[in-house]
Amino acid sequence: MTDLILDVAAVHADCRTVSVLEGGYNPPALSQCVEEHLGRLVDATCPR
Protein backbone atom coordinates (compact mmCIF):
# COMPACT_ATOMS: atom_id res chain seq x y z
CA MET A 1 0.00 0.00 0.00
CA THR A 2 2.84 2.40 0.81
CA ASP A 3 4.32 1.95 -2.65
CA LEU A 4 0.95 2.67 -4.24
CA ILE A 5 0.56 5.88 -2.24
CA LEU A 6 4.08 6.98 -3.19
CA ASP A 7 3.36 6.31 -6.88
CA VAL A 8 0.15 8.34 -6.79
CA ALA A 9 1.89 11.15 -4.90
CA ALA A 10 4.66 11.26 -7.50
CA VAL A 11 2.12 11.80 -10.27
CA HIS A 12 -0.42 14.05 -8.57
CA ALA A 13 1.19 15.75 -5.56
CA ASP A 14 4.82 16.53 -6.37
CA CYS A 15 5.79 13.49 -4.25
CA ARG A 16 4.17 14.87 -1.10
CA THR A 17 2.35 12.47 1.18
CA VAL A 18 0.54 12.40 4.49
CA SER A 19 1.03 9.22 6.44
CA VAL A 20 -1.55 7.84 8.88
CA LEU A 21 -1.47 4.34 10.27
CA GLU A 22 -4.48 2.78 11.95
CA GLY A 23 -4.22 -0.27 14.12
CA GLY A 24 -3.46 -1.56 17.54
CA TYR A 25 -5.43 -4.78 17.62
CA ASN A 26 -2.28 -6.86 17.36
CA PRO A 27 0.69 -4.92 18.79
CA PRO A 28 3.44 -7.22 17.42
CA ALA A 29 1.97 -7.02 13.91
CA LEU A 30 1.46 -3.27 14.23
CA SER A 31 5.09 -2.68 15.18
CA GLN A 32 6.25 -4.66 12.15
CA CYS A 33 3.88 -2.70 9.87
CA VAL A 34 5.12 0.62 11.25
CA GLU A 35 8.73 -0.43 10.68
CA GLU A 36 8.03 -1.52 7.10
CA HIS A 37 5.97 1.57 6.28
CA LEU A 38 8.48 4.06 7.68
CA GLY A 39 11.39 2.23 6.08
CA ARG A 40 9.73 2.49 2.67
CA LEU A 41 9.05 6.19 3.18
CA VAL A 42 12.66 6.82 4.20
CA ASP A 43 14.01 4.91 1.21
CA ALA A 44 11.64 6.49 -1.32
CA THR A 45 12.98 8.72 -4.05
CA CYS A 46 11.02 11.18 -6.09
CA PRO A 47 11.41 10.94 -9.88
CA ARG A 48 11.63 14.55 -10.98
C-alpha atoms as a PDB file:
ATOM      1  CA  MET A   1       0.000   0.000   0.000  1.00  0.00           C
ATOM      2  CA  THR A   2       2.836   2.398   0.813  1.00  0.00           C
ATOM      3  CA  ASP A   3       4.321   1.952  -2.650  1.00  0.00           C
ATOM      4  CA  LEU A   4       0.946   2.669  -4.244  1.00  0.00           C
ATOM      5  CA  ILE A   5       0.556   5.883  -2.243  1.00  0.00           C
ATOM      6  CA  LEU A   6       4.082   6.976  -3.193  1.00  0.00           C
ATOM      7  CA  ASP A   7       3.363   6.307  -6.880  1.00  0.00           C
ATOM      8  CA  VAL A   8       0.151   8.345  -6.786  1.00  0.00           C
ATOM      9  CA  ALA A   9       1.894  11.152  -4.897  1.00  0.00           C
ATOM     10  CA  ALA A  10       4.662  11.259  -7.498  1.00  0.00           C
ATOM     11  CA  VAL A  11       2.116  11.797 -10.272  1.00  0.00           C
ATOM     12  CA  HIS A  12      -0.416  14.046  -8.573  1.00  0.00           C
ATOM     13  CA  ALA A  13       1.188  15.755  -5.563  1.00  0.00           C
ATOM     14  CA  ASP A  14       4.822  16.534  -6.372  1.00  0.00           C
ATOM     15  CA  CYS A  15       5.793  13.491  -4.249  1.00  0.00           C
ATOM     16  CA  ARG A  16       4.165  14.870  -1.102  1.00  0.00           C
ATOM     17  CA  THR A  17       2.352  12.467   1.178  1.00  0.00           C
ATOM     18  CA  VAL A  18       0.536  12.404   4.488  1.00  0.00           C
ATOM     19  CA  SER A  19       1.033   9.218   6.440  1.00  0.00           C
ATOM     20  CA  VAL A  20      -1.552   7.843   8.880  1.00  0.00           C
ATOM     21  CA  LEU A  21      -1.474   4.340  10.272  1.00  0.00           C
ATOM     22  CA  GLU A  22      -4.485   2.780  11.949  1.00  0.00           C
ATOM     23  CA  GLY A  23      -4.221  -0.267  14.124  1.00  0.00           C
ATOM     24  CA  GLY A  24      -3.455  -1.562  17.545  1.00  0.00           C
ATOM     25  CA  TYR A  25      -5.432  -4.781  17.618  1.00  0.00           C
ATOM     26  CA  ASN A  26      -2.275  -6.862  17.361  1.00  0.00           C
ATOM     27  CA  PRO A  27       0.690  -4.917  18.791  1.00  0.00           C
ATOM     28  CA  PRO A  28       3.437  -7.224  17.422  1.00  0.00           C
ATOM     29  CA  ALA A  29       1.967  -7.016  13.909  1.00  0.00           C
ATOM     30  CA  LEU A  30       1.464  -3.267  14.226  1.00  0.00           C
ATOM     31  CA  SER A  31       5.085  -2.680  15.184  1.00  0.00           C
ATOM     32  CA  GLN A  32       6.246  -4.663  12.148  1.00  0.00           C
ATOM     33  CA  CYS A  33       3.880  -2.704   9.871  1.00  0.00           C
ATOM     34  CA  VAL A  34       5.117   0.618  11.251  1.00  0.00           C
ATOM     35  CA  GLU A  35       8.729  -0.428  10.684  1.00  0.00           C
ATOM     36  CA  GLU A  36       8.030  -1.519   7.099  1.00  0.00           C
ATOM     37  CA  HIS A  37       5.973   1.572   6.276  1.00  0.00           C
ATOM     38  CA  LEU A  38       8.481   4.063   7.678  1.00  0.00           C
ATOM     39  CA  GLY A  39      11.391   2.234   6.084  1.00  0.00           C
ATOM     40  CA  ARG A  40       9.727   2.491   2.674  1.00  0.00           C
ATOM     41  CA  LEU A  41       9.050   6.191   3.179  1.00  0.00           C
ATOM     42  CA  VAL A  42      12.658   6.815   4.200  1.00  0.00           C
ATOM     43  CA  ASP A  43      14.011   4.906   1.208  1.00  0.00           C
ATOM     44  CA  ALA A  44      11.644   6.493  -1.320  1.00  0.00           C
ATOM     45  CA  THR A  45      12.983   8.717  -4.054  1.00  0.00           C
ATOM     46  CA  CYS A  46      11.025  11.182  -6.091  1.00  0.00           C
ATOM     47  CA  PRO A  47      11.406  10.945  -9.880  1.00  0.00           C
ATOM     48  CA  ARG A  48      11.633  14.555 -10.977  1.00  0.00           C
END
